[in-house]
PDB file of N, CA and C in Angstrom:
ATOM      1  N   MET A   1      10.713  51.056 -60.443  1.00  0.00           N
ATOM      2  CA  MET A   1      11.691  51.853 -61.610  1.00  0.00           C
ATOM      3  C   MET A   1      12.614  51.350 -62.362  1.00  0.00           C
ATOM      4  N   SER A   2      12.389  51.286 -63.715  1.00  0.00           N
ATOM      5  CA  SER A   2      13.114  50.537 -64.726  1.00  0.00           C
ATOM      6  C   SER A   2      14.374  51.193 -64.839  1.00  0.00           C
ATOM      7  N   HIS A   3      15.534  50.622 -65.029  1.00  0.00           N
ATOM      8  CA  HIS A   3      16.889  51.136 -65.302  1.00  0.00           C
ATOM      9  C   HIS A   3      17.570  51.261 -66.363  1.00  0.00           C
ATOM     10  N   VAL A   4      18.293  51.851 -66.945  1.00  0.00           N
ATOM     11  CA  VAL A   4      18.778  51.667 -68.396  1.00  0.00           C
ATOM     12  C   VAL A   4      19.890  50.935 -68.295  1.00  0.00           C
ATOM     13  N   PHE A   5      20.868  50.879 -67.597  1.00  0.00           N
ATOM     14  CA  PHE A   5      21.755  50.232 -67.349  1.00  0.00           C
ATOM     15  C   PHE A   5      21.638  48.381 -67.356  1.00  0.00           C
ATOM     16  N   PRO A   6      20.616  47.851 -66.927  1.00  0.00           N
ATOM     17  CA  PRO A   6      20.432  46.554 -66.989  1.00  0.00           C
ATOM     18  C   PRO A   6      19.893  45.983 -68.390  1.00  0.00           C
ATOM     19  N   VAL A   7      19.339  47.121 -69.399  1.00  0.00           N
ATOM     20  CA  VAL A   7      19.306  46.507 -70.502  1.00  0.00           C
ATOM     21  C   VAL A   7      20.506  46.738 -71.494  1.00  0.00           C
ATOM     22  N   ALA A   8      21.246  47.257 -70.760  1.00  0.00           N
ATOM     23  CA  ALA A   8      22.825  47.238 -71.706  1.00  0.00           C
ATOM     24  C   ALA A   8      23.525  46.171 -71.729  1.00  0.00           C
ATOM     25  N   VAL A   9      23.338  44.993 -70.711  1.00  0.00           N
ATOM     26  CA  VAL A   9      24.012  43.881 -70.673  1.00  0.00           C
ATOM     27  C   VAL A   9      23.475  42.920 -71.745  1.00  0.00           C
ATOM     28  N   SER A  10      22.360  43.113 -71.803  1.00  0.00           N
ATOM     29  CA  SER A  10      21.859  42.586 -73.192  1.00  0.00           C
ATOM     30  C   SER A  10      22.616  42.930 -74.378  1.00  0.00           C
ATOM     31  N   LEU A  11      22.870  44.103 -74.587  1.00  0.00           N
ATOM     32  CA  LEU A  11      23.523  44.813 -75.661  1.00  0.00           C
ATOM     33  C   LEU A  11      24.862  44.298 -75.924  1.00  0.00           C
ATOM     34  N   ALA A  12      25.472  43.961 -74.785  1.00  0.00           N
ATOM     35  CA  ALA A  12      26.917  43.757 -75.106  1.00  0.00           C
ATOM     36  C   ALA A  12      26.708  42.466 -75.641  1.00  0.00           C
ATOM     37  N   ALA A  13      26.101  41.551 -75.871  1.00  0.00           N
ATOM     38  CA  ALA A  13      25.699  40.197 -76.539  1.00  0.00           C
ATOM     39  C   ALA A  13      26.450  40.535 -77.772  1.00  0.00           C
ATOM     40  N   VAL A  14      25.943  41.508 -78.995  1.00  0.00           N
ATOM     41  CA  VAL A  14      26.324  41.698 -80.184  1.00  0.00           C
ATOM     42  C   VAL A  14      27.547  41.731 -80.084  1.00  0.00           C
ATOM     43  N   LEU A  15      28.675  41.824 -79.744  1.00  0.00           N
ATOM     44  CA  LEU A  15      29.957  41.963 -79.748  1.00  0.00           C
ATOM     45  C   LEU A  15      30.455  40.514 -79.659  1.00  0.00           C
ATOM     46  N   ALA A  16      29.966  39.859 -78.774  1.00  0.00           N
ATOM     47  CA  ALA A  16      30.120  38.458 -78.552  1.00  0.00           C
ATOM     48  C   ALA A  16      29.423  37.806 -79.765  1.00  0.00           C
ATOM     49  N   GLY A  17      28.724  38.173 -80.794  1.00  0.00           N
ATOM     50  CA  GLY A  17      28.585  37.581 -82.066  1.00  0.00           C
ATOM     51  C   GLY A  17      27.433  36.535 -81.489  1.00  0.00           C
ATOM     52  N   ALA A  18      26.667  37.014 -80.556  1.00  0.00           N
ATOM     53  CA  ALA A  18      25.566  36.359 -79.915  1.00  0.00           C
ATOM     54  C   ALA A  18      24.303  36.644 -80.569  1.00  0.00           C
ATOM     55  N   ALA A  19      23.393  35.458 -81.185  1.00  0.00           N
ATOM     56  CA  ALA A  19      21.884  36.233 -81.470  1.00  0.00           C
ATOM     57  C   ALA A  19      21.032  36.457 -80.602  1.00  0.00           C
ATOM     58  N   VAL A  20      20.305  37.372 -80.525  1.00  0.00           N
ATOM     59  CA  VAL A  20      19.021  37.008 -79.898  1.00  0.00           C
ATOM     60  C   VAL A  20      18.122  36.495 -80.146  1.00  0.00           C
ATOM     61  N   TRP A  21      17.401  35.593 -79.435  1.00  0.00           N
ATOM     62  CA  TRP A  21      16.180  34.653 -79.942  1.00  0.00           C
ATOM     63  C   TRP A  21      15.067  35.606 -80.323  1.00  0.00           C
ATOM     64  N   ALA A  22      14.557  35.459 -81.832  1.00  0.00           N
ATOM     65  CA  ALA A  22      13.389  35.952 -82.495  1.00  0.00           C
ATOM     66  C   ALA A  22      12.599  34.907 -82.936  1.00  0.00           C
ATOM     67  N   PRO A  23      10.852  34.952 -82.365  1.00  0.00           N
ATOM     68  CA  PRO A  23      10.111  33.791 -83.268  1.00  0.00           C
ATOM     69  C   PRO A  23      10.526  33.895 -84.788  1.00  0.00           C
ATOM     70  N   PRO A  24      10.551  32.692 -85.413  1.00  0.00           N
ATOM     71  CA  PRO A  24      10.951  32.403 -87.105  1.00  0.00           C
ATOM     72  C   PRO A  24      10.491  33.421 -87.831  1.00  0.00           C
ATOM     73  N   ALA A  25       8.924  33.725 -87.807  1.00  0.00           N
ATOM     74  CA  ALA A  25       8.317  34.573 -88.510  1.00  0.00           C
ATOM     75  C   ALA A  25       8.770  36.042 -88.179  1.00  0.00           C
ATOM     76  N   LEU A  26       8.937  36.304 -87.203  1.00  0.00           N
ATOM     77  CA  LEU A  26       9.348  38.040 -86.897  1.00  0.00           C
ATOM     78  C   LEU A  26      10.626  37.973 -87.419  1.00  0.00           C
ATOM     79  N   ALA A  27      11.722  36.893 -87.379  1.00  0.00           N
ATOM     80  CA  ALA A  27      13.018  36.920 -87.741  1.00  0.00           C
ATOM     81  C   ALA A  27      13.108  37.046 -88.964  1.00  0.00           C
ATOM     82  N   GLN A  28      12.467  36.302 -89.903  1.00  0.00           N
ATOM     83  CA  GLN A  28      12.238  36.483 -91.314  1.00  0.00           C
ATOM     84  C   GLN A  28      11.914  37.464 -92.171  1.00  0.00           C
ATOM     85  N   ASP A  29      10.822  37.982 -91.341  1.00  0.00           N
ATOM     86  CA  ASP A  29      10.171  39.698 -91.917  1.00  0.00           C
ATOM     87  C   ASP A  29      10.948  40.567 -91.499  1.00  0.00           C
ATOM     88  N   THR A  30      11.702  40.638 -90.508  1.00  0.00           N
ATOM     89  CA  THR A  30      12.502  41.830 -90.098  1.00  0.00           C
ATOM     90  C   THR A  30      13.854  41.275 -91.085  1.00  0.00           C
ATOM     91  N   ALA A  31      14.361  39.933 -91.347  1.00  0.00           N
ATOM     92  CA  ALA A  31      15.598  40.367 -92.209  1.00  0.00           C
ATOM     93  C   ALA A  31      15.312  40.584 -93.626  1.00  0.00           C
ATOM     94  N   LYS A  32      13.777  40.393 -94.119  1.00  0.00           N
ATOM     95  CA  LYS A  32      13.568  40.939 -95.346  1.00  0.00           C
ATOM     96  C   LYS A  32      13.196  42.599 -95.572  1.00  0.00           C
ATOM     97  N   THR A  33      13.016  43.277 -94.191  1.00  0.00           N
ATOM     98  CA  THR A  33      12.702  44.537 -94.390  1.00  0.00           C
ATOM     99  C   THR A  33      13.641  45.547 -93.500  1.00  0.00           C
ATOM    100  N   ALA A  34      14.381  44.933 -93.235  1.00  0.00           N
ATOM    101  CA  ALA A  34      15.413  45.661 -92.233  1.00  0.00           C
ATOM    102  C   ALA A  34      16.590  46.469 -93.296  1.00  0.00           C
ATOM    103  N   ALA A  35      16.878  45.589 -93.957  1.00  0.00           N
ATOM    104  CA  ALA A  35      18.080  46.421 -94.674  1.00  0.00           C
ATOM    105  C   ALA A  35      17.381  47.522 -95.544  1.00  0.00           C
ATOM    106  N   LYS A  36      16.274  47.503 -95.884  1.00  0.00           N
ATOM    107  CA  LYS A  36      15.480  48.555 -96.776  1.00  0.00           C
ATOM    108  C   LYS A  36      15.178  49.707 -95.490  1.00  0.00           C
ATOM    109  N   LYS A  37      14.974  49.435 -94.134  1.00  0.00           N
ATOM    110  CA  LYS A  37      14.587  50.585 -93.470  1.00  0.00           C
ATOM    111  C   LYS A  37      15.571  51.026 -92.746  1.00  0.00           C
ATOM    112  N   TYR A  38      17.039  50.646 -92.686  1.00  0.00           N
ATOM    113  CA  TYR A  38      18.197  50.953 -92.187  1.00  0.00           C
ATOM    114  C   TYR A  38      19.243  51.656 -93.165  1.00  0.00           C
ATOM    115  N   SER A  39      19.612  53.074 -93.526  1.00  0.00           N
ATOM    116  CA  SER A  39      20.776  53.141 -94.142  1.00  0.00           C
ATOM    117  C   SER A  39      21.685  53.123 -93.640  1.00  0.00           C
ATOM    118  N   ASP A  40      22.883  53.512 -94.188  1.00  0.00           N
ATOM    119  CA  ASP A  40      24.035  53.506 -94.028  1.00  0.00           C
ATOM    120  C   ASP A  40      24.132  54.182 -92.962  1.00  0.00           C
ATOM    121  N   GLU A  41      24.178  55.561 -92.990  1.00  0.00           N
ATOM    122  CA  GLU A  41      24.027  56.589 -91.994  1.00  0.00           C
ATOM    123  C   GLU A  41      23.203  56.299 -90.431  1.00  0.00           C
ATOM    124  N   ASP A  42      21.937  55.519 -90.714  1.00  0.00           N
ATOM    125  CA  ASP A  42      21.184  54.982 -89.725  1.00  0.00           C
ATOM    126  C   ASP A  42      22.142  54.112 -88.842  1.00  0.00           C
ATOM    127  N   LEU A  43      22.688  53.362 -89.880  1.00  0.00           N
ATOM    128  CA  LEU A  43      23.605  52.236 -88.711  1.00  0.00           C
ATOM    129  C   LEU A  43      24.996  53.149 -88.244  1.00  0.00           C
ATOM    130  N   ARG A  44      25.454  53.664 -88.926  1.00  0.00           N
ATOM    131  CA  ARG A  44      26.453  55.025 -88.198  1.00  0.00           C
ATOM    132  C   ARG A  44      25.915  55.384 -87.062  1.00  0.00           C
ATOM    133  N   ARG A  45      24.939  56.148 -87.233  1.00  0.00           N
ATOM    134  CA  ARG A  45      23.931  56.935 -85.871  1.00  0.00           C
ATOM    135  C   ARG A  45      24.110  55.576 -84.897  1.00  0.00           C
ATOM    136  N   PHE A  46      23.694  54.709 -84.982  1.00  0.00           N
ATOM    137  CA  PHE A  46      23.327  53.716 -83.773  1.00  0.00           C
ATOM    138  C   PHE A  46      24.731  53.424 -83.392  1.00  0.00           C
ATOM    139  N   ALA A  47      25.683  53.260 -84.328  1.00  0.00           N
ATOM    140  CA  ALA A  47      27.313  52.583 -83.858  1.00  0.00           C
ATOM    141  C   ALA A  47      27.611  53.905 -82.875  1.00  0.00           C
ATOM    142  N   ARG A  48      27.442  55.030 -83.057  1.00  0.00           N
ATOM    143  CA  ARG A  48      27.883  56.092 -82.168  1.00  0.00           C
ATOM    144  C   ARG A  48      27.268  55.828 -80.978  1.00  0.00           C
ATOM    145  N   ALA A  49      26.024  56.048 -81.137  1.00  0.00           N
ATOM    146  CA  ALA A  49      24.861  55.580 -79.689  1.00  0.00           C
ATOM    147  C   ALA A  49      25.659  54.592 -78.991  1.00  0.00           C
ATOM    148  N   TYR A  50      25.866  52.953 -79.345  1.00  0.00           N
ATOM    149  CA  TYR A  50      26.216  52.102 -78.735  1.00  0.00           C
ATOM    150  C   TYR A  50      27.622  52.195 -78.349  1.00  0.00           C
ATOM    151  N   VAL A  51      28.591  52.980 -78.985  1.00  0.00           N
ATOM    152  CA  VAL A  51      29.614  53.135 -78.231  1.00  0.00           C
ATOM    153  C   VAL A  51      29.771  54.386 -77.531  1.00  0.00           C
ATOM    154  N   ASP A  52      29.020  55.306 -77.113  1.00  0.00           N
ATOM    155  CA  ASP A  52      29.031  56.130 -76.432  1.00  0.00           C
ATOM    156  C   ASP A  52      28.096  55.543 -75.098  1.00  0.00           C
ATOM    157  N   PHE A  53      27.248  54.822 -75.620  1.00  0.00           N
ATOM    158  CA  PHE A  53      26.563  54.375 -74.091  1.00  0.00           C
ATOM    159  C   PHE A  53      27.504  53.214 -73.446  1.00  0.00           C
ATOM    160  N   HIS A  54      28.001  52.298 -73.930  1.00  0.00           N
ATOM    161  CA  HIS A  54      28.638  51.625 -73.298  1.00  0.00           C
ATOM    162  C   HIS A  54      29.731  52.223 -72.754  1.00  0.00           C
ATOM    163  N   ARG A  55      30.470  53.138 -73.125  1.00  0.00           N
ATOM    164  CA  ARG A  55      31.758  53.816 -72.381  1.00  0.00           C
ATOM    165  C   ARG A  55      31.076  54.414 -71.213  1.00  0.00           C
ATOM    166  N   LEU A  56      29.857  55.072 -71.220  1.00  0.00           N
ATOM    167  CA  LEU A  56      29.206  55.585 -70.283  1.00  0.00           C
ATOM    168  C   LEU A  56      28.874  54.305 -69.019  1.00  0.00           C
ATOM    169  N   LYS A  57      28.118  53.435 -69.541  1.00  0.00           N
ATOM    170  CA  LYS A  57      28.167  52.411 -68.593  1.00  0.00           C
ATOM    171  C   LYS A  57      28.850  51.990 -67.981  1.00  0.00           C
ATOM    172  N   ASN A  58      30.001  51.617 -68.925  1.00  0.00           N
ATOM    173  CA  ASN A  58      31.477  51.202 -67.892  1.00  0.00           C
ATOM    174  C   ASN A  58      31.916  52.193 -67.188  1.00  0.00           C
ATOM    175  N   ASP A  59      31.833  53.416 -66.884  1.00  0.00           N
ATOM    176  CA  ASP A  59      32.238  54.335 -66.154  1.00  0.00           C
ATOM    177  C   ASP A  59      31.366  54.350 -64.975  1.00  0.00           C
ATOM    178  N   TYR A  60      29.565  54.200 -65.230  1.00  0.00           N
ATOM    179  CA  TYR A  60      29.193  54.316 -64.232  1.00  0.00           C
ATOM    180  C   TYR A  60      29.317  52.959 -63.137  1.00  0.00           C
ATOM    181  N   ASP A  61      29.499  51.956 -64.258  1.00  0.00           N
ATOM    182  CA  ASP A  61      28.901  50.305 -63.363  1.00  0.00           C
ATOM    183  C   ASP A  61      30.338  50.420 -62.677  1.00  0.00           C
ATOM    184  N   GLU A  62      31.838  50.901 -62.758  1.00  0.00           N
ATOM    185  CA  GLU A  62      32.919  50.525 -62.057  1.00  0.00           C
ATOM    186  C   GLU A  62      32.552  51.519 -60.871  1.00  0.00           C
ATOM    187  N   ARG A  63      32.248  52.914 -60.932  1.00  0.00           N
ATOM    188  CA  ARG A  63      31.745  53.712 -59.765  1.00  0.00           C
ATOM    189  C   ARG A  63      30.691  53.500 -58.816  1.00  0.00           C
ATOM    190  N   ILE A  64      29.850  52.608 -59.390  1.00  0.00           N
ATOM    191  CA  ILE A  64      28.598  52.101 -58.545  1.00  0.00           C
ATOM    192  C   ILE A  64      29.013  50.873 -57.842  1.00  0.00           C
ATOM    193  N   LYS A  65      30.182  50.175 -58.309  1.00  0.00           N
ATOM    194  CA  LYS A  65      30.592  48.901 -57.444  1.00  0.00           C
ATOM    195  C   LYS A  65      31.495  49.013 -56.378  1.00  0.00           C
ATOM    196  N   LYS A  66      32.203  50.667 -56.476  1.00  0.00           N
ATOM    197  CA  LYS A  66      32.926  50.560 -55.841  1.00  0.00           C
ATOM    198  C   LYS A  66      32.165  51.606 -54.232  1.00  0.00           C
ATOM    199  N   MET A  67      30.904  51.964 -54.696  1.00  0.00           N
ATOM    200  CA  MET A  67      30.117  52.654 -53.640  1.00  0.00           C
ATOM    201  C   MET A  67      29.599  51.428 -52.401  1.00  0.00           C
ATOM    202  N   GLN A  68      29.767  52.011 -51.347  1.00  0.00           N
ATOM    203  CA  GLN A  68      29.430  51.036 -50.031  1.00  0.00           C
ATOM    204  C   GLN A  68      27.944  51.690 -49.883  1.00  0.00           C
ATOM    205  N   ASN A  69      27.452  52.385 -49.639  1.00  0.00           N
ATOM    206  CA  ASN A  69      26.481  53.115 -49.372  1.00  0.00           C
ATOM    207  C   ASN A  69      25.240  52.758 -50.498  1.00  0.00           C
ATOM    208  N   VAL A  70      24.151  51.881 -50.076  1.00  0.00           N
ATOM    209  CA  VAL A  70      22.916  51.392 -50.902  1.00  0.00           C
ATOM    210  C   VAL A  70      22.362  53.052 -51.701  1.00  0.00           C
ATOM    211  N   LYS A  71      22.287  53.733 -50.805  1.00  0.00           N
ATOM    212  CA  LYS A  71      21.476  54.981 -51.223  1.00  0.00           C
ATOM    213  C   LYS A  71      22.412  55.723 -52.098  1.00  0.00           C
ATOM    214  N   ASP A  72      23.665  55.965 -51.790  1.00  0.00           N
ATOM    215  CA  ASP A  72      24.575  56.265 -52.962  1.00  0.00           C
ATOM    216  C   ASP A  72      24.398  55.675 -54.298  1.00  0.00           C
ATOM    217  N   ARG A  73      24.686  54.724 -54.111  1.00  0.00           N
ATOM    218  CA  ARG A  73      25.045  53.619 -55.093  1.00  0.00           C
ATOM    219  C   ARG A  73      23.218  53.819 -55.893  1.00  0.00           C
ATOM    220  N   GLU A  74      22.443  53.923 -55.643  1.00  0.00           N
ATOM    221  CA  GLU A  74      21.021  54.516 -56.277  1.00  0.00           C
ATOM    222  C   GLU A  74      21.182  55.581 -56.654  1.00  0.00           C
ATOM    223  N   ASN A  75      21.325  56.345 -55.910  1.00  0.00           N
ATOM    224  CA  ASN A  75      21.431  57.524 -56.462  1.00  0.00           C
ATOM    225  C   ASN A  75      22.619  57.953 -58.141  1.00  0.00           C
ATOM    226  N   LEU A  76      23.571  57.308 -58.003  1.00  0.00           N
ATOM    227  CA  LEU A  76      24.617  57.417 -58.847  1.00  0.00           C
ATOM    228  C   LEU A  76      23.952  56.271 -59.977  1.00  0.00           C
ATOM    229  N   ARG A  77      23.145  55.499 -59.537  1.00  0.00           N
ATOM    230  CA  ARG A  77      22.349  55.134 -60.895  1.00  0.00           C
ATOM    231  C   ARG A  77      21.334  55.444 -61.824  1.00  0.00           C
ATOM    232  N   ARG A  78      20.819  56.450 -60.755  1.00  0.00           N
ATOM    233  CA  ARG A  78      19.717  57.264 -61.163  1.00  0.00           C
ATOM    234  C   ARG A  78      20.404  58.143 -62.047  1.00  0.00           C
ATOM    235  N   GLU A  79      21.414  58.806 -61.468  1.00  0.00           N
ATOM    236  CA  GLU A  79      22.414  59.781 -62.522  1.00  0.00           C
ATOM    237  C   GLU A  79      22.952  59.338 -63.617  1.00  0.00           C
ATOM    238  N   GLY A  80      23.158  57.585 -63.638  1.00  0.00           N
ATOM    239  CA  GLY A  80      23.907  57.574 -64.646  1.00  0.00           C
ATOM    240  C   GLY A  80      22.550  57.001 -65.801  1.00  0.00           C
ATOM    241  N   ASP A  81      21.492  56.641 -65.295  1.00  0.00           N
ATOM    242  CA  ASP A  81      20.219  56.485 -66.358  1.00  0.00           C
ATOM    243  C   ASP A  81      20.080  58.060 -67.332  1.00  0.00           C
ATOM    244  N   ALA A  82      20.260  58.874 -66.541  1.00  0.00           N
ATOM    245  CA  ALA A  82      19.639  60.212 -66.726  1.00  0.00           C
ATOM    246  C   ALA A  82      20.558  60.511 -68.178  1.00  0.00           C
ATOM    247  N   LYS A  83      21.778  60.316 -67.813  1.00  0.00           N
ATOM    248  CA  LYS A  83      23.207  60.631 -68.955  1.00  0.00           C
ATOM    249  C   LYS A  83      22.890  59.582 -69.746  1.00  0.00           C
ATOM    250  N   ALA A  84      22.542  58.096 -69.519  1.00  0.00           N
ATOM    251  CA  ALA A  84      22.569  57.281 -70.873  1.00  0.00           C
ATOM    252  C   ALA A  84      21.230  57.634 -71.592  1.00  0.00           C
ATOM    253  N   SER A  85      20.207  58.202 -70.902  1.00  0.00           N
ATOM    254  CA  SER A  85      19.207  59.152 -71.907  1.00  0.00           C
ATOM    255  C   SER A  85      19.300  59.996 -72.734  1.00  0.00           C
ATOM    256  N   GLU A  86      20.334  60.837 -72.157  1.00  0.00           N
ATOM    257  CA  GLU A  86      21.042  61.966 -73.090  1.00  0.00           C
ATOM    258  C   GLU A  86      22.184  61.524 -74.213  1.00  0.00           C
ATOM    259  N   VAL A  87      22.487  60.381 -73.822  1.00  0.00           N
ATOM    260  CA  VAL A  87      23.682  60.065 -74.876  1.00  0.00           C
ATOM    261  C   VAL A  87      22.554  59.525 -76.036  1.00  0.00           C
ATOM    262  N   LEU A  88      21.694  58.766 -75.491  1.00  0.00           N
ATOM    263  CA  LEU A  88      20.922  58.089 -77.015  1.00  0.00           C
ATOM    264  C   LEU A  88      20.257  59.532 -77.726  1.00  0.00           C
ATOM    265  N   GLN A  89      19.731  60.362 -76.613  1.00  0.00           N
ATOM    266  CA  GLN A  89      19.024  61.419 -77.316  1.00  0.00           C
ATOM    267  C   GLN A  89      19.947  62.134 -78.334  1.00  0.00           C
ATOM    268  N   LYS A  90      20.987  62.080 -78.078  1.00  0.00           N
ATOM    269  CA  LYS A  90      22.045  63.127 -78.839  1.00  0.00           C
ATOM    270  C   LYS A  90      22.124  62.729 -80.161  1.00  0.00           C
ATOM    271  N   GLN A  91      21.938  61.484 -80.492  1.00  0.00           N
ATOM    272  CA  GLN A  91      22.046  60.717 -81.756  1.00  0.00           C
ATOM    273  C   GLN A  91      20.730  59.840 -82.135  1.00  0.00           C
ATOM    274  N   GLY A  92      19.640  60.807 -81.461  1.00  0.00           N
ATOM    275  CA  GLY A  92      18.204  60.719 -82.255  1.00  0.00           C
ATOM    276  C   GLY A  92      17.337  59.432 -81.705  1.00  0.00           C
ATOM    277  N   TYR A  93      17.722  58.730 -80.234  1.00  0.00           N
ATOM    278  CA  TYR A  93      16.962  57.645 -79.940  1.00  0.00           C
ATOM    279  C   TYR A  93      16.454  57.637 -78.471  1.00  0.00           C
ATOM    280  N   THR A  94      15.404  57.081 -78.222  1.00  0.00           N
ATOM    281  CA  THR A  94      14.824  56.964 -76.920  1.00  0.00           C
ATOM    282  C   THR A  94      15.564  55.449 -76.618  1.00  0.00           C
ATOM    283  N   LEU A  95      15.412  55.246 -75.360  1.00  0.00           N
ATOM    284  CA  LEU A  95      15.707  53.744 -74.924  1.00  0.00           C
ATOM    285  C   LEU A  95      14.698  52.891 -75.900  1.00  0.00           C
ATOM    286  N   ASP A  96      13.685  52.967 -76.008  1.00  0.00           N
ATOM    287  CA  ASP A  96      12.696  52.213 -76.577  1.00  0.00           C
ATOM    288  C   ASP A  96      13.077  52.034 -78.388  1.00  0.00           C
ATOM    289  N   SER A  97      13.334  53.053 -79.035  1.00  0.00           N
ATOM    290  CA  SER A  97      13.997  53.169 -80.182  1.00  0.00           C
ATOM    291  C   SER A  97      15.428  52.692 -80.110  1.00  0.00           C
ATOM    292  N   TYR A  98      15.993  52.981 -79.312  1.00  0.00           N
ATOM    293  CA  TYR A  98      17.448  51.884 -79.727  1.00  0.00           C
ATOM    294  C   TYR A  98      17.720  50.395 -79.250  1.00  0.00           C
ATOM    295  N   SER A  99      16.506  50.098 -78.031  1.00  0.00           N
ATOM    296  CA  SER A  99      16.305  48.729 -78.407  1.00  0.00           C
ATOM    297  C   SER A  99      15.815  47.972 -79.154  1.00  0.00           C
ATOM    298  N   LYS A 100      15.038  48.640 -80.034  1.00  0.00           N
ATOM    299  CA  LYS A 100      14.395  48.062 -81.211  1.00  0.00           C
ATOM    300  C   LYS A 100      15.313  48.015 -82.441  1.00  0.00           C
ATOM    301  N   THR A 101      16.015  49.114 -82.744  1.00  0.00           N
ATOM    302  CA  THR A 101      17.028  49.205 -83.447  1.00  0.00           C
ATOM    303  C   THR A 101      17.792  47.951 -83.163  1.00  0.00           C
ATOM    304  N   PHE A 102      18.501  47.764 -82.205  1.00  0.00           N
ATOM    305  CA  PHE A 102      19.338  46.746 -81.760  1.00  0.00           C
ATOM    306  C   PHE A 102      18.376  45.096 -81.920  1.00  0.00           C
ATOM    307  N   ALA A 103      17.441  45.119 -81.661  1.00  0.00           N
ATOM    308  CA  ALA A 103      16.751  43.878 -82.078  1.00  0.00           C
ATOM    309  C   ALA A 103      16.719  43.658 -83.397  1.00  0.00           C
ATOM    310  N   VAL A 104      16.316  44.951 -84.302  1.00  0.00           N
ATOM    311  CA  VAL A 104      16.323  44.226 -85.736  1.00  0.00           C
ATOM    312  C   VAL A 104      18.043  44.264 -86.367  1.00  0.00           C
ATOM    313  N   VAL A 105      18.907  44.877 -85.792  1.00  0.00           N
ATOM    314  CA  VAL A 105      20.335  44.726 -86.172  1.00  0.00           C
ATOM    315  C   VAL A 105      20.782  43.636 -85.949  1.00  0.00           C
ATOM    316  N   ASN A 106      20.575  43.074 -84.640  1.00  0.00           N
ATOM    317  CA  ASN A 106      21.087  41.796 -84.083  1.00  0.00           C
ATOM    318  C   ASN A 106      20.403  40.625 -84.969  1.00  0.00           C
ATOM    319  N   ASN A 107      19.375  40.785 -85.186  1.00  0.00           N
ATOM    320  CA  ASN A 107      18.363  39.521 -86.131  1.00  0.00           C
ATOM    321  C   ASN A 107      19.206  39.367 -87.452  1.00  0.00           C
ATOM    322  N   ASN A 108      19.470  40.353 -88.222  1.00  0.00           N
ATOM    323  CA  ASN A 108      20.151  40.485 -89.408  1.00  0.00           C
ATOM    324  C   ASN A 108      21.313  40.218 -89.794  1.00  0.00           C
ATOM    325  N   GLU A 109      21.745  39.164 -90.453  1.00  0.00           N
ATOM    326  CA  GLU A 109      23.255  39.032 -90.347  1.00  0.00           C
ATOM    327  C   GLU A 109      23.970  40.208 -91.559  1.00  0.00           C
ATOM    328  N   GLN A 110      23.197  40.412 -92.346  1.00  0.00           N
ATOM    329  CA  GLN A 110      23.799  41.692 -92.807  1.00  0.00           C
ATOM    330  C   GLN A 110      24.221  43.060 -92.338  1.00  0.00           C
ATOM    331  N   LEU A 111      22.954  43.656 -91.435  1.00  0.00           N
ATOM    332  CA  LEU A 111      23.052  44.673 -90.775  1.00  0.00           C
ATOM    333  C   LEU A 111      23.868  44.581 -89.720  1.00  0.00           C
ATOM    334  N   ARG A 112      23.791  43.768 -89.086  1.00  0.00           N
ATOM    335  CA  ARG A 112      25.174  43.237 -87.753  1.00  0.00           C
ATOM    336  C   ARG A 112      26.039  43.345 -88.226  1.00  0.00           C
ATOM    337  N   LYS A 113      26.651  42.452 -89.396  1.00  0.00           N
ATOM    338  CA  LYS A 113      28.127  42.717 -90.096  1.00  0.00           C
ATOM    339  C   LYS A 113      28.614  44.225 -90.139  1.00  0.00           C
ATOM    340  N   LYS A 114      27.823  44.898 -90.823  1.00  0.00           N
ATOM    341  CA  LYS A 114      27.486  46.371 -91.107  1.00  0.00           C
ATOM    342  C   LYS A 114      28.303  47.184 -89.968  1.00  0.00           C
ATOM    343  N   THR A 115      26.798  46.627 -88.962  1.00  0.00           N
ATOM    344  CA  THR A 115      27.162  47.844 -87.619  1.00  0.00           C
ATOM    345  C   THR A 115      28.088  47.476 -87.103  1.00  0.00           C
ATOM    346  N   LEU A 116      28.802  46.099 -86.886  1.00  0.00           N
ATOM    347  CA  LEU A 116      29.726  46.032 -85.846  1.00  0.00           C
ATOM    348  C   LEU A 116      31.151  46.522 -86.455  1.00  0.00           C
ATOM    349  N   LYS A 117      31.040  46.782 -87.610  1.00  0.00           N
ATOM    350  CA  LYS A 117      32.392  47.344 -88.552  1.00  0.00           C
ATOM    351  C   LYS A 117      32.141  48.612 -88.422  1.00  0.00           C
ATOM    352  N   TYR A 118      30.893  49.401 -88.134  1.00  0.00           N
ATOM    353  CA  TYR A 118      30.905  50.667 -87.759  1.00  0.00           C
ATOM    354  C   TYR A 118      30.801  50.876 -86.146  1.00  0.00           C
ATOM    355  N   ILE A 119      30.916  49.872 -85.502  1.00  0.00           N
ATOM    356  CA  ILE A 119      31.131  50.115 -84.122  1.00  0.00           C
ATOM    357  C   ILE A 119      32.836  50.105 -84.031  1.00  0.00           C
ATOM    358  N   GLU A 120      33.528  49.245 -84.354  1.00  0.00           N
ATOM    359  CA  GLU A 120      34.881  49.261 -84.323  1.00  0.00           C
ATOM    360  C   GLU A 120      35.529  50.539 -85.119  1.00  0.00           C
ATOM    361  N   GLU A 121      35.131  51.040 -86.200  1.00  0.00           N
ATOM    362  CA  GLU A 121      35.369  52.396 -86.641  1.00  0.00           C
ATOM    363  C   GLU A 121      35.021  53.474 -85.589  1.00  0.00           C
ATOM    364  N   GLU A 122      34.003  53.331 -85.020  1.00  0.00           N
ATOM    365  CA  GLU A 122      33.843  54.297 -83.847  1.00  0.00           C
ATOM    366  C   GLU A 122      34.435  54.254 -82.685  1.00  0.00           C
ATOM    367  N   ARG A 123      34.867  53.077 -82.080  1.00  0.00           N
ATOM    368  CA  ARG A 123      35.853  52.798 -81.373  1.00  0.00           C
ATOM    369  C   ARG A 123      37.237  53.673 -81.604  1.00  0.00           C
ATOM    370  N   LYS A 124      37.711  53.585 -82.653  1.00  0.00           N
ATOM    371  CA  LYS A 124      38.647  54.227 -82.897  1.00  0.00           C
ATOM    372  C   LYS A 124      38.809  55.474 -83.101  1.00  0.00           C
ATOM    373  N   THR A 125      37.638  56.091 -83.217  1.00  0.00           N
ATOM    374  CA  THR A 125      37.969  57.399 -83.778  1.00  0.00           C
ATOM    375  C   THR A 125      37.336  58.650 -82.354  1.00  0.00           C
ATOM    376  N   SER A 126      36.772  57.711 -81.788  1.00  0.00           N
ATOM    377  CA  SER A 126      36.097  59.043 -80.435  1.00  0.00           C
ATOM    378  C   SER A 126      36.832  58.503 -78.996  1.00  0.00           C
TER     379      SER A 126
END
């Protein structure tokens, strides 16, 4: 079974300024078309999803770490996965569409800078 939270580990890299590697042709194509595909509202929506997702992830990670019983940890992880899907759906994303948007944003400097600005704004207001 695939979990939502392990994917989040790689998502945190964007805040550290790390770029996810992509083949040069894909990165160039993405850079050329990404700005056209994503409006400011799309990026703001992504930022809201990102902030909400990571708040939930951090909460569940802490709770999971404190659990001694393996079965209880797995149950809590499943609960967290379901809630994470709900958080993403609230902003119009599936895990797949969220991951794809993340990859595009992370591989385009202009979109990455804008999105990081929106993420910081979202953190201050929510």
